[in-house]
Amino acid sequence: IETRMRKIIKEGQRFSRRAVSDGDALSELADEPYKIELIGLKGGAHDVAHAAEGASVEVGAGQLTIYDNHRRDGSLAWKDLCRCPHLPTTKRIPAFKLMRSAAAYWRGDEKNKQLQRIYGTAWETKEALDEHLHRLEEAERRDHRKLGRDLDLYSFPDELGSGLVVFHPRGGVIKKEMEDYVRQRHIEEGFQYVGTPHISKEGLFHTSGHLPYYADGMFPPMEMEGASYYLKAMNCPMHNLIFRSRGRSYRELPLRLFEFGSVYRFEKSGVVHGLTRVRGMTQDDSHSYVTREQAPAEIKHLLDFCLGLFRDFGLDDYYLELSTRDDSKPDKFVGSDEEWAEATAVLEQVAKESGLELVPDPGGAAYYGPKISVQCRDAIGRTWQMSTIQYDFNQPRGFELEYQASDGTRQRPVMIHSAKFGSIERFIGVLVEHYAGAFPPWLAPVQVQAIPIAERHAEYLEKIAARMRQQGLRVEVDDSDDRMQKKIRNAQLQKVPFMMIAGDRDVEEGAVSFRYRNGEQDNGVSVEDAIARVTDAVARRIQV
């Protein structure tokens, strides 16, 4: 197929557009049963959204168009339905590649005939195509689903259901280290740690306003003792109950609540993807309750906090996105025009003052308020949405939240939602791909692999390993029957940052050969120096 495509490109066939009536199209394409079906299912003149699935790309709505391919002598080589636009000539297609083919049911319905779908990619230059193919190769090499299996980090058992993950011991280490550090940083930034249950009565999500807008994204309700209960899909309603549990004074604001909250969202099975799109997740979720005057400073504080965390985890290339409401769909959002204008202006001001690139996202706001999101680029340039900072004037009203102001009056706070990573699971998936599984020592499941050259050296390394474990380091001793080179190879495949190798001379001198993940090795290193190298790298959270 590629060979035939190159021949057509070399011919320099020209494309020309014709507008045709439905009747003329049906007549011209009488031998094309699938095209005829699409013409019969096309939407009305202003109804692209309701055109049949698979029809909108080729027929859209309203006037039909056919594109003709003309050879250099003017003869017709091919014609087909298409909405346009086209390049003027096939000569303008300098670089392409067909990637794969797969069976596909006509119009996505398994009751229809099965056809073959061919996937391809086209670029403006051969260099751009080569770069794209290299990125695809890198993405495949870094795929967190494959690395999760290879490194024994996590799995997705069929018995649990789609989008539900279990962390194995090594993956559990990464998750715990991440949570411990993030909890510590939240406390340092003035947040108070709280905990909430996984389920709630239905009424809570009516009060918060979520059910009318978000019910399709939640698991179905459970009926118990005459009441309907939902698995929570968000933590904010429960944090509102904590705020409301007693009287609040302006002296307590900003009041910052934080938890690792387990939430459950009914993602469609077709979009569930490894750790980056799951149905059960742990959110690093915080809510700041502030006066309207405090909102700009709090949003800046949250943004600086988010960016600092990303740098700590090795992500330092990012930009901001400002999501606002779609004014043409007022039924999709709550609140007055004045409230939306104020909230949007505050977020935009903070975003611009950060000096980062700011990309508008019209219509992308949550129903209750606009948001800033931090978009991070990973090691191969892919963009991931990470932190969100959302301005909410709706839920404080719904929950009737109040604080006593300095003049003794009762005032309503503003609520600022913030999830630094979106979810812990998703962030782990991003980091696995960013580092290609080679985590910096402070996050690595195994920080040091001790390798005895012979069985008689294992006891010596076990004593060193015990000393290191007392200092909180994660050390394993490979006492298998494998040869030394195989043990080194195994440690490299597991992407262990450091190796300590010991033979007779090392035992005599109280030393080890200290080997790095990249293959560099220092021989005759004292045990004290070896331990210091590891503890220093862990303490400084550097990559090796």
Protein backbone atom coordinates (compact mmCIF):
# COMPACT_ATOMS: atom_id res chain seq x y z
CA ILE A 1 0.00 0.00 0.00
CA GLU A 2 2.86 2.40 0.83
CA THR A 3 4.47 1.65 -2.55
CA ARG A 4 1.24 2.51 -4.35
CA MET A 5 0.89 5.69 -2.29
CA ARG A 6 4.40 6.82 -3.22
CA LYS A 7 3.59 6.28 -6.89
CA ILE A 8 0.47 8.45 -6.60
CA ILE A 9 2.46 11.15 -4.79
CA LYS A 10 5.08 11.09 -7.54
CA GLU A 11 2.35 11.51 -10.17
CA GLY A 12 1.42 14.86 -8.64
CA GLN A 13 -2.33 14.29 -8.81
CA ARG A 14 -4.37 17.47 -8.23
CA PHE A 15 -7.37 17.71 -5.89
CA SER A 16 -10.45 19.67 -6.89
CA ARG A 17 -13.62 20.24 -4.89
CA ARG A 18 -17.22 19.94 -6.09
CA ALA A 19 -20.43 20.69 -4.21
CA VAL A 20 -23.15 18.17 -5.07
CA SER A 21 -26.73 17.49 -4.10
CA ASP A 22 -27.66 14.39 -2.12
CA GLY A 23 -29.30 12.94 -5.24
CA ASP A 24 -26.25 13.51 -7.45
CA ALA A 25 -23.99 12.01 -4.78
CA LEU A 26 -26.18 8.92 -4.51
CA SER A 27 -26.08 8.54 -8.29
CA GLU A 28 -22.31 9.02 -8.63
CA LEU A 29 -21.55 6.63 -5.76
CA ALA A 30 -24.12 3.98 -6.60
CA ASP A 31 -21.45 1.25 -6.35
CA GLU A 32 -20.34 2.43 -2.88
CA PRO A 33 -22.84 0.95 -0.36
CA TYR A 34 -21.07 2.37 2.71
CA LYS A 35 -20.97 5.89 1.25
CA ILE A 36 -24.65 5.66 0.37
CA GLU A 37 -25.44 4.65 3.95
CA LEU A 38 -23.54 7.65 5.32
CA ILE A 39 -25.35 10.04 3.01
CA GLY A 40 -28.65 8.70 4.29
CA LEU A 41 -27.57 9.22 7.90
CA LYS A 42 -26.03 12.67 7.65
CA GLY A 43 -27.19 15.41 10.01
CA GLY A 44 -29.25 18.44 9.08
CA ALA A 45 -27.76 21.69 7.82
CA HIS A 46 -26.79 22.84 11.32
CA ASP A 47 -26.63 19.50 13.08
CA VAL A 48 -23.08 18.17 12.76
CA ALA A 49 -23.21 16.88 16.34
CA HIS A 50 -26.08 14.53 15.52
CA ALA A 51 -24.69 13.12 12.28
CA ALA A 52 -24.29 9.36 12.56
CA GLU A 53 -21.09 8.11 14.19
CA GLY A 54 -18.46 7.86 11.48
CA ALA A 55 -20.51 10.02 9.12
CA SER A 56 -19.50 13.48 10.31
CA VAL A 57 -15.93 13.26 8.98
CA GLU A 58 -17.01 12.46 5.42
CA VAL A 59 -20.44 14.01 5.02
CA GLY A 60 -20.93 16.31 8.01
CA ALA A 61 -24.12 18.30 7.64
CA GLY A 62 -25.75 20.35 4.91
CA GLN A 63 -24.11 20.55 1.48
CA LEU A 64 -22.18 17.46 0.35
CA THR A 65 -18.78 17.83 -1.33
CA ILE A 66 -16.81 15.44 -3.53
CA TYR A 67 -13.08 15.72 -4.16
CA ASP A 68 -11.68 14.60 -7.51
CA ASN A 69 -8.11 13.39 -8.10
CA HIS A 70 -6.88 14.53 -11.53
CA ARG A 71 -3.82 13.15 -13.28
CA ARG A 72 -1.47 15.52 -15.07
CA ASP A 73 -3.29 14.89 -18.36
CA GLY A 74 -6.56 15.97 -16.71
CA SER A 75 -8.11 12.50 -16.55
CA LEU A 76 -9.97 11.45 -13.40
CA ALA A 77 -8.02 9.03 -11.20
CA TRP A 78 -10.39 8.88 -8.20
CA LYS A 79 -13.25 10.66 -6.49
CA ASP A 80 -14.64 10.47 -2.98
CA LEU A 81 -16.86 12.17 -0.44
CA CYS A 82 -14.98 14.47 1.90
CA ARG A 83 -15.69 17.64 3.86
CA CYS A 84 -12.31 19.27 3.05
CA PRO A 85 -9.87 20.91 3.10
CA HIS A 86 -7.32 19.13 0.91
CA LEU A 87 -3.80 19.94 -0.19
CA PRO A 88 -3.73 21.23 -3.77
CA THR A 89 -1.67 18.26 -5.00
CA THR A 90 -0.24 14.95 -3.82
CA LYS A 91 3.22 16.45 -4.35
CA ARG A 92 2.65 18.29 -1.06
CA ILE A 93 2.90 15.03 0.91
CA PRO A 94 6.66 14.66 1.49
CA ALA A 95 6.73 12.23 4.40
CA PHE A 96 4.32 9.56 5.61
CA LYS A 97 4.27 6.07 7.06
CA LEU A 98 1.56 3.46 7.51
CA MET A 99 1.72 2.19 11.07
CA ARG A 100 -0.64 -0.76 11.38
CA SER A 101 -3.98 -2.23 10.39
CA ALA A 102 -6.72 -3.60 12.59
CA ALA A 103 -10.16 -5.10 12.27
CA ALA A 104 -12.99 -2.64 12.90
CA TYR A 105 -16.75 -2.97 12.78
CA TRP A 106 -18.50 -0.64 10.37
CA ARG A 107 -19.55 2.49 12.27
CA GLY A 108 -18.29 0.92 15.51
CA ASP A 109 -21.23 -1.51 15.79
CA GLU A 110 -20.37 -5.18 16.27
CA LYS A 111 -23.64 -6.09 14.54
CA ASN A 112 -22.24 -4.62 11.30
CA LYS A 113 -19.67 -6.07 8.92
CA GLN A 114 -16.04 -6.20 9.97
CA LEU A 115 -13.69 -4.09 7.88
CA GLN A 116 -9.97 -3.31 7.98
CA ARG A 117 -8.86 0.06 9.35
CA ILE A 118 -5.42 1.31 8.31
CA TYR A 119 -3.54 3.73 10.57
CA GLY A 120 -0.98 6.15 9.19
CA THR A 121 0.81 9.40 9.92
CA ALA A 122 1.93 12.24 7.61
CA TRP A 123 4.40 15.07 8.26
CA GLU A 124 5.71 18.18 6.56
CA THR A 125 9.30 16.85 6.32
CA LYS A 126 11.08 13.52 6.55
CA GLU A 127 12.99 14.86 9.57
CA ALA A 128 9.71 15.63 11.36
CA LEU A 129 8.44 12.12 10.55
CA ASP A 130 11.64 10.55 11.87
CA GLU A 131 11.36 12.58 15.09
CA HIS A 132 7.76 11.44 15.49
CA LEU A 133 8.66 7.78 14.97
CA HIS A 134 11.49 8.13 17.49
CA ARG A 135 9.07 9.60 20.03
CA LEU A 136 6.73 6.66 19.46
CA GLU A 137 9.59 4.21 20.02
CA GLU A 138 10.57 6.04 23.20
CA ALA A 139 6.96 6.08 24.39
CA GLU A 140 6.72 2.33 23.83
CA ARG A 141 10.00 1.76 25.70
CA ARG A 142 8.72 3.88 28.57
CA ASP A 143 5.17 2.49 28.67
CA HIS A 144 4.32 2.36 32.38
CA ARG A 145 2.10 -0.69 31.89
CA LYS A 146 5.00 -2.75 30.52
CA LEU A 147 7.50 -1.36 33.03
CA GLY A 148 5.05 -2.03 35.84
CA ARG A 149 5.16 -5.72 34.93
CA ASP A 150 8.90 -5.86 34.26
CA LEU A 151 9.79 -4.10 37.53
CA ASP A 152 7.06 -5.86 39.57
CA LEU A 153 5.48 -2.57 40.66
CA TYR A 154 1.72 -3.06 40.18
CA SER A 155 -0.90 -5.02 38.27
CA PHE A 156 -4.53 -4.81 37.17
CA PRO A 157 -6.15 -8.17 38.03
CA ASP A 158 -9.22 -9.06 35.97
CA GLU A 159 -10.86 -10.26 39.17
CA LEU A 160 -10.98 -6.67 40.44
CA GLY A 161 -12.44 -5.10 37.33
CA SER A 162 -11.35 -2.54 34.78
CA GLY A 163 -9.38 0.47 36.00
CA LEU A 164 -8.55 -0.91 39.45
CA VAL A 165 -4.89 -1.32 40.44
CA VAL A 166 -3.03 -3.24 43.15
CA PHE A 167 0.45 -2.08 44.14
CA HIS A 168 3.02 -4.81 44.73
CA PRO A 169 5.65 -4.37 47.47
CA ARG A 170 8.06 -2.49 45.20
CA GLY A 171 5.35 -0.25 43.81
CA GLY A 172 4.09 0.23 47.34
CA VAL A 173 7.48 1.66 48.30
CA ILE A 174 7.20 4.32 45.59
CA LYS A 175 3.64 5.17 46.61
CA LYS A 176 4.54 5.42 50.31
CA GLU A 177 7.65 7.54 49.71
CA MET A 178 5.64 9.88 47.52
CA GLU A 179 2.78 10.18 50.00
CA ASP A 180 5.10 10.65 52.98
CA TYR A 181 6.96 13.46 51.26
CA VAL A 182 3.83 15.16 49.95
CA ARG A 183 2.18 14.95 53.38
CA GLN A 184 5.27 16.50 54.98
CA ARG A 185 5.33 19.32 52.42
CA HIS A 186 1.62 20.06 52.92
CA ILE A 187 2.13 20.35 56.67
CA GLU A 188 5.10 22.67 56.09
CA GLU A 189 2.86 24.83 53.87
CA GLY A 190 0.22 25.22 56.58
CA PHE A 191 -2.23 22.45 55.71
CA GLN A 192 -4.00 20.34 58.32
CA TYR A 193 -4.32 16.62 57.59
CA VAL A 194 -7.86 15.18 57.71
CA GLY A 195 -9.58 11.90 56.81
CA THR A 196 -12.99 11.13 55.31
CA PRO A 197 -14.97 7.95 54.47
CA HIS A 198 -15.29 6.35 51.05
CA ILE A 199 -19.10 6.49 50.87
CA SER A 200 -21.81 8.99 51.68
CA LYS A 201 -25.56 9.40 51.58
CA GLU A 202 -26.93 10.73 48.32
CA GLY A 203 -28.05 14.02 49.84
CA LEU A 204 -24.47 15.22 50.38
CA PHE A 205 -23.84 15.27 46.62
CA HIS A 206 -27.11 17.12 46.02
CA THR A 207 -26.03 19.77 48.52
CA SER A 208 -22.64 20.09 46.82
CA GLY A 209 -24.32 20.34 43.42
CA HIS A 210 -22.41 17.43 41.93
CA LEU A 211 -25.23 14.99 41.15
CA PRO A 212 -27.03 17.10 38.52
CA TYR A 213 -23.76 17.66 36.64
CA TYR A 214 -21.60 14.65 37.49
CA ALA A 215 -23.85 11.63 38.13
CA ASP A 216 -22.71 9.86 34.93
CA GLY A 217 -19.14 9.91 36.24
CA MET A 218 -20.06 8.26 39.55
CA PHE A 219 -20.65 4.61 40.37
CA PRO A 220 -24.34 3.69 40.74
CA PRO A 221 -25.91 4.20 44.18
CA MET A 222 -26.19 1.46 46.80
CA GLU A 223 -29.44 1.02 48.70
CA MET A 224 -28.97 0.42 52.43
CA GLU A 225 -31.44 0.84 55.29
CA GLY A 226 -33.83 2.81 53.15
CA ALA A 227 -31.21 5.31 51.96
CA SER A 228 -29.09 5.66 48.83
CA TYR A 229 -25.32 5.78 49.26
CA TYR A 230 -22.67 6.70 46.70
CA LEU A 231 -18.99 5.90 46.50
CA LYS A 232 -17.46 9.35 46.65
CA ALA A 233 -16.04 10.72 43.42
CA MET A 234 -14.67 13.83 45.12
CA ASN A 235 -13.54 14.88 48.59
CA CYS A 236 -14.69 18.51 48.71
CA PRO A 237 -18.21 17.93 50.10
CA MET A 238 -16.79 16.12 53.13
CA HIS A 239 -14.21 18.85 53.73
CA ASN A 240 -17.08 21.32 53.73
CA LEU A 241 -18.69 19.32 56.53
CA ILE A 242 -15.45 19.62 58.53
CA PHE A 243 -15.43 23.40 58.04
CA ARG A 244 -19.10 23.57 59.05
CA SER A 245 -18.68 21.35 62.13
CA ARG A 246 -18.23 24.40 64.37
CA GLY A 247 -18.19 28.16 64.27
CA ARG A 248 -15.29 29.74 62.38
CA SER A 249 -13.55 33.07 62.84
CA TYR A 250 -11.72 35.21 60.31
CA ARG A 251 -8.64 34.59 62.45
CA GLU A 252 -8.63 30.94 61.28
CA LEU A 253 -8.50 31.86 57.60
CA PRO A 254 -6.94 30.74 55.40
CA LEU A 255 -8.07 27.33 56.71
CA ARG A 256 -6.26 24.67 54.69
CA LEU A 257 -7.51 21.06 54.81
CA PHE A 258 -5.70 18.19 53.09
CA GLU A 259 -6.03 14.43 52.73
CA PHE A 260 -5.10 11.48 50.58
CA GLY A 261 -8.70 10.75 49.70
CA SER A 262 -9.78 7.59 47.90
CA VAL A 263 -12.30 8.42 45.18
CA TYR A 264 -14.07 6.32 42.56
CA ARG A 265 -15.08 7.48 39.11
CA PHE A 266 -16.91 5.45 36.52
CA GLU A 267 -14.64 6.01 33.55
CA LYS A 268 -15.84 4.30 30.38
CA SER A 269 -13.96 1.06 29.74
CA GLY A 270 -12.73 2.38 26.41
CA VAL A 271 -10.78 5.24 28.04
CA VAL A 272 -9.36 3.35 31.03
CA HIS A 273 -5.59 3.23 30.52
CA GLY A 274 -3.11 1.77 33.01
CA LEU A 275 -2.42 4.11 35.91
CA THR A 276 -3.10 7.28 33.96
CA ARG A 277 -6.87 6.69 33.67
CA VAL A 278 -8.28 4.56 36.49
CA ARG A 279 -11.61 4.09 38.25
CA GLY A 280 -10.26 3.97 41.79
CA MET A 281 -7.65 6.55 42.77
CA THR A 282 -6.01 8.37 45.66
CA GLN A 283 -6.18 12.14 45.35
CA ASP A 284 -3.75 14.47 47.08
CA ASP A 285 -6.67 16.76 47.65
CA SER A 286 -6.69 20.07 49.48
CA HIS A 287 -9.22 22.83 50.06
CA SER A 288 -8.40 26.32 51.24
CA TYR A 289 -11.15 28.40 52.82
CA VAL A 290 -10.36 32.10 52.48
CA THR A 291 -11.90 35.54 52.42
CA ARG A 292 -12.41 37.01 48.95
CA GLU A 293 -9.55 39.41 49.68
CA GLN A 294 -7.24 36.50 50.56
CA ALA A 295 -8.03 34.53 47.39
CA PRO A 296 -5.30 35.98 45.10
CA ALA A 297 -2.52 35.41 47.65
CA GLU A 298 -3.76 31.89 48.41
CA ILE A 299 -3.90 30.94 44.73
CA LYS A 300 -0.34 32.24 44.26
CA HIS A 301 0.74 30.26 47.32
CA LEU A 302 -0.84 27.09 45.89
CA LEU A 303 0.70 27.61 42.45
CA ASP A 304 4.18 28.15 43.90
CA PHE A 305 3.69 25.06 46.08
CA CYS A 306 2.67 22.94 43.07
CA LEU A 307 5.60 24.04 40.93
CA GLY A 308 8.03 23.40 43.79
CA LEU A 309 6.71 19.86 44.22
CA PHE A 310 7.15 19.12 40.52
CA ARG A 311 10.75 20.31 40.66
CA ASP A 312 11.33 18.03 43.66
CA PHE A 313 10.09 15.09 41.58
CA GLY A 314 12.24 16.01 38.58
CA LEU A 315 9.66 17.78 36.39
CA ASP A 316 10.72 21.33 35.54
CA ASP A 317 9.16 22.03 32.13
CA TYR A 318 5.59 23.28 32.37
CA TYR A 319 3.03 25.86 31.31
CA LEU A 320 -0.39 26.95 32.58
CA GLU A 321 -3.87 26.56 31.17
CA LEU A 322 -6.78 28.79 32.21
CA SER A 323 -10.15 27.05 31.92
CA THR A 324 -13.17 29.34 31.75
CA ARG A 325 -16.89 28.79 31.24
CA ASP A 326 -18.64 28.57 27.88
CA ASP A 327 -21.00 31.55 27.85
CA SER A 328 -23.11 29.90 25.14
CA LYS A 329 -24.06 27.07 27.54
CA PRO A 330 -25.25 28.78 30.72
CA ASP A 331 -27.12 25.65 31.85
CA LYS A 332 -23.78 23.86 32.27
CA PHE A 333 -22.52 26.26 34.94
CA VAL A 334 -23.79 27.78 38.18
CA GLY A 335 -23.27 31.24 39.62
CA SER A 336 -23.71 34.82 38.47
CA ASP A 337 -21.83 36.54 35.67
CA GLU A 338 -20.21 38.80 38.25
CA GLU A 339 -18.91 35.86 40.29
CA TRP A 340 -17.46 34.18 37.21
CA ALA A 341 -15.83 37.40 36.05
CA GLU A 342 -14.26 38.00 39.46
CA ALA A 343 -12.99 34.43 39.83
CA THR A 344 -11.61 34.33 36.29
CA ALA A 345 -9.84 37.67 36.72
CA VAL A 346 -8.16 36.52 39.95
CA LEU A 347 -6.88 33.29 38.39
CA GLU A 348 -5.72 35.05 35.23
CA GLN A 349 -3.83 37.68 37.22
CA VAL A 350 -1.97 35.06 39.28
CA ALA A 351 -1.21 33.00 36.18
CA LYS A 352 0.22 35.98 34.31
CA GLU A 353 2.29 37.11 37.29
CA SER A 354 3.93 33.66 37.40
CA GLY A 355 5.70 34.46 34.13
CA LEU A 356 4.79 31.05 32.69
CA GLU A 357 3.19 30.54 29.30
CA LEU A 358 -0.60 30.82 29.67
CA VAL A 359 -2.91 28.96 27.27
CA PRO A 360 -6.66 29.72 27.25
CA ASP A 361 -9.12 26.82 27.56
CA PRO A 362 -12.57 28.30 26.91
CA GLY A 363 -15.38 26.04 28.09
CA GLY A 364 -13.06 23.83 30.15
CA ALA A 365 -14.09 25.09 33.59
CA ALA A 366 -15.83 22.97 36.19
CA TYR A 367 -19.52 23.76 36.63
CA TYR A 368 -18.81 25.62 39.88
CA GLY A 369 -15.90 27.83 38.85
CA PRO A 370 -12.85 28.48 36.63
CA LYS A 371 -9.48 26.82 37.16
CA ILE A 372 -5.77 26.98 36.45
CA SER A 373 -4.11 23.71 35.51
CA VAL A 374 -0.38 23.03 35.34
CA GLN A 375 0.63 21.16 32.19
CA CYS A 376 3.97 19.33 32.60
CA ARG A 377 6.21 18.10 29.80
CA ASP A 378 8.06 14.85 30.46
CA ALA A 379 11.50 13.66 29.33
CA ILE A 380 10.34 13.08 25.74
CA GLY A 381 8.23 16.21 25.45
CA ARG A 382 4.76 14.80 26.05
CA THR A 383 2.32 16.98 27.97
CA TRP A 384 0.46 15.78 31.06
CA GLN A 385 -2.16 17.76 32.95
CA MET A 386 -1.10 17.75 36.58
CA SER A 387 -2.18 20.26 39.23
CA THR A 388 -5.53 22.00 39.19
CA ILE A 389 -6.36 25.10 41.22
CA GLN A 390 -10.08 25.88 41.14
CA TYR A 391 -11.96 28.91 42.43
CA ASP A 392 -15.32 27.89 43.93
CA PHE A 393 -18.00 30.30 45.12
CA ASN A 394 -20.83 27.78 44.71
CA GLN A 395 -20.20 25.08 47.32
CA PRO A 396 -19.74 27.52 50.23
CA ARG A 397 -23.19 28.84 49.32
CA GLY A 398 -24.73 25.37 49.02
CA PHE A 399 -23.33 24.27 52.37
CA GLU A 400 -24.10 27.65 53.96
CA LEU A 401 -20.50 28.02 55.12
CA GLU A 402 -19.83 31.10 57.22
CA TYR A 403 -17.18 32.73 59.36
CA GLN A 404 -17.36 35.63 61.76
CA ALA A 405 -15.65 38.67 60.26
CA SER A 406 -13.61 41.21 62.23
CA ASP A 407 -16.66 43.50 62.46
CA GLY A 408 -18.80 40.72 63.96
CA THR A 409 -20.86 40.05 60.81
CA ARG A 410 -21.33 36.60 59.28
CA GLN A 411 -19.54 36.27 55.94
CA ARG A 412 -19.24 33.52 53.34
CA PRO A 413 -15.74 32.21 52.49
CA VAL A 414 -14.37 31.39 49.08
CA MET A 415 -13.19 27.81 48.55
CA ILE A 416 -10.03 27.02 46.56
CA HIS A 417 -9.70 23.41 45.39
CA SER A 418 -6.24 22.06 44.65
CA ALA A 419 -4.97 18.62 43.69
CA LYS A 420 -1.22 18.81 43.20
CA PHE A 421 -0.83 15.61 41.14
CA GLY A 422 -4.44 14.90 40.19
CA SER A 423 -4.07 11.44 41.66
CA ILE A 424 -1.18 9.52 43.19
CA GLU A 425 -1.74 6.62 40.79
CA ARG A 426 -1.63 8.82 37.72
CA PHE A 427 1.45 10.67 38.92
CA ILE A 428 3.27 7.38 39.53
CA GLY A 429 2.41 6.37 35.96
CA VAL A 430 3.77 9.67 34.65
CA LEU A 431 6.98 9.32 36.69
CA VAL A 432 7.54 5.73 35.56
CA GLU A 433 7.44 6.95 31.95
CA HIS A 434 9.40 10.14 32.64
CA TYR A 435 12.25 8.17 34.24
CA ALA A 436 11.73 5.04 32.10
CA GLY A 437 11.58 3.15 35.40
CA ALA A 438 15.00 4.41 36.57
CA PHE A 439 13.80 6.37 39.60
CA PRO A 440 16.07 8.71 41.54
CA PRO A 441 17.47 6.94 44.62
CA TRP A 442 15.03 8.49 47.12
CA LEU A 443 12.09 6.95 45.22
CA ALA A 444 13.73 3.73 43.99
CA PRO A 445 12.10 0.58 45.45
CA VAL A 446 15.56 -0.93 45.97
CA GLN A 447 18.27 1.67 46.47
CA VAL A 448 21.28 -0.66 46.76
CA GLN A 449 21.84 -4.17 45.45
CA ALA A 450 24.67 -5.96 47.28
CA ILE A 451 26.42 -8.55 45.10
CA PRO A 452 28.80 -11.13 46.64
CA ILE A 453 31.35 -12.47 44.15
CA ALA A 454 31.16 -15.86 45.85
CA GLU A 455 28.91 -17.39 48.48
CA ARG A 456 31.51 -16.81 51.20
CA HIS A 457 31.23 -13.03 50.73
CA ALA A 458 27.46 -12.89 51.36
CA GLU A 459 27.74 -12.70 55.16
CA TYR A 460 30.05 -9.67 54.90
CA LEU A 461 27.57 -7.84 52.67
CA GLU A 462 24.64 -8.83 54.89
CA LYS A 463 26.31 -7.03 57.81
CA ILE A 464 26.81 -3.91 55.69
CA ALA A 465 23.21 -4.13 54.47
CA ALA A 466 21.97 -4.33 58.07
CA ARG A 467 23.87 -1.12 58.91
CA MET A 468 22.34 0.64 55.94
CA ARG A 469 18.82 -0.53 56.76
CA GLN A 470 19.23 0.96 60.24
CA GLN A 471 19.71 4.29 58.47
CA GLY A 472 16.46 3.84 56.55
CA LEU A 473 18.02 2.66 53.28
CA ARG A 474 16.47 -0.06 51.13
CA VAL A 475 19.10 -2.73 50.48
CA GLU A 476 18.89 -6.24 49.08
CA VAL A 477 21.64 -8.89 48.98
CA ASP A 478 21.66 -11.15 45.92
CA ASP A 479 22.65 -14.50 47.42
CA SER A 480 21.45 -16.49 44.41
CA ASP A 481 23.61 -19.06 42.61
CA ASP A 482 23.96 -16.78 39.57
CA ARG A 483 27.41 -15.68 38.44
CA MET A 484 28.49 -12.15 39.36
CA GLN A 485 27.95 -10.72 35.87
CA LYS A 486 24.43 -12.15 35.80
CA LYS A 487 23.71 -10.55 39.19
CA ILE A 488 24.95 -7.19 37.91
CA ARG A 489 22.80 -7.60 34.80
CA ASN A 490 19.74 -8.41 36.90
CA ALA A 491 20.28 -5.28 39.02
CA GLN A 492 20.62 -3.18 35.87
CA LEU A 493 17.39 -4.61 34.45
CA GLN A 494 15.66 -3.74 37.71
CA LYS A 495 17.14 -0.22 37.38
CA VAL A 496 18.67 -0.24 40.88
CA PRO A 497 20.62 3.03 41.37
CA PHE A 498 23.63 1.59 43.27
CA MET A 499 25.44 -1.73 43.57
CA MET A 500 28.01 -2.83 46.13
CA ILE A 501 30.21 -5.73 45.04
CA ALA A 502 32.53 -7.58 47.42
CA GLY A 503 35.22 -10.24 47.04
CA ASP A 504 38.09 -11.54 49.20
CA ARG A 505 40.15 -8.36 49.04
CA ASP A 506 37.16 -6.18 49.91
CA VAL A 507 36.43 -8.33 52.97
CA GLU A 508 40.05 -8.02 54.11
CA GLU A 509 40.13 -4.24 53.65
CA GLY A 510 36.61 -3.43 54.86
CA ALA A 511 35.71 -2.06 51.45
CA VAL A 512 33.41 -2.63 48.45
CA SER A 513 33.40 -1.95 44.75
CA PHE A 514 30.78 0.77 44.36
CA ARG A 515 28.92 0.63 41.04
CA TYR A 516 26.46 3.15 39.62
CA ARG A 517 23.42 2.41 37.48
CA ASN A 518 25.15 3.85 34.39
CA GLY A 519 27.98 1.30 34.66
CA GLU A 520 30.62 3.51 36.30
CA GLN A 521 32.44 1.70 39.11
CA ASP A 522 34.86 2.73 41.87
CA ASN A 523 36.88 -0.06 43.45
CA GLY A 524 38.22 -0.16 46.99
CA VAL A 525 35.62 2.23 48.42
CA SER A 526 35.40 2.15 52.21
CA VAL A 527 32.11 0.99 53.66
CA GLU A 528 31.64 4.36 55.36
CA ASP A 529 32.17 6.19 52.06
CA ALA A 530 29.78 3.86 50.23
CA ILE A 531 27.05 4.44 52.79
CA ALA A 532 27.67 8.20 52.69
CA ARG A 533 27.32 8.28 48.89
CA VAL A 534 23.92 6.62 49.08
CA THR A 535 22.58 8.66 51.99
CA ASP A 536 23.72 11.90 50.35
CA ALA A 537 21.96 11.10 47.06
CA VAL A 538 18.78 10.13 48.90
CA ALA A 539 18.83 13.20 51.15
CA ARG A 540 19.35 15.60 48.24
CA ARG A 541 16.76 13.82 46.05
CA ILE A 542 19.11 13.86 43.07
CA GLN A 543 19.14 11.58 40.05
CA VAL A 544 22.16 9.36 39.38
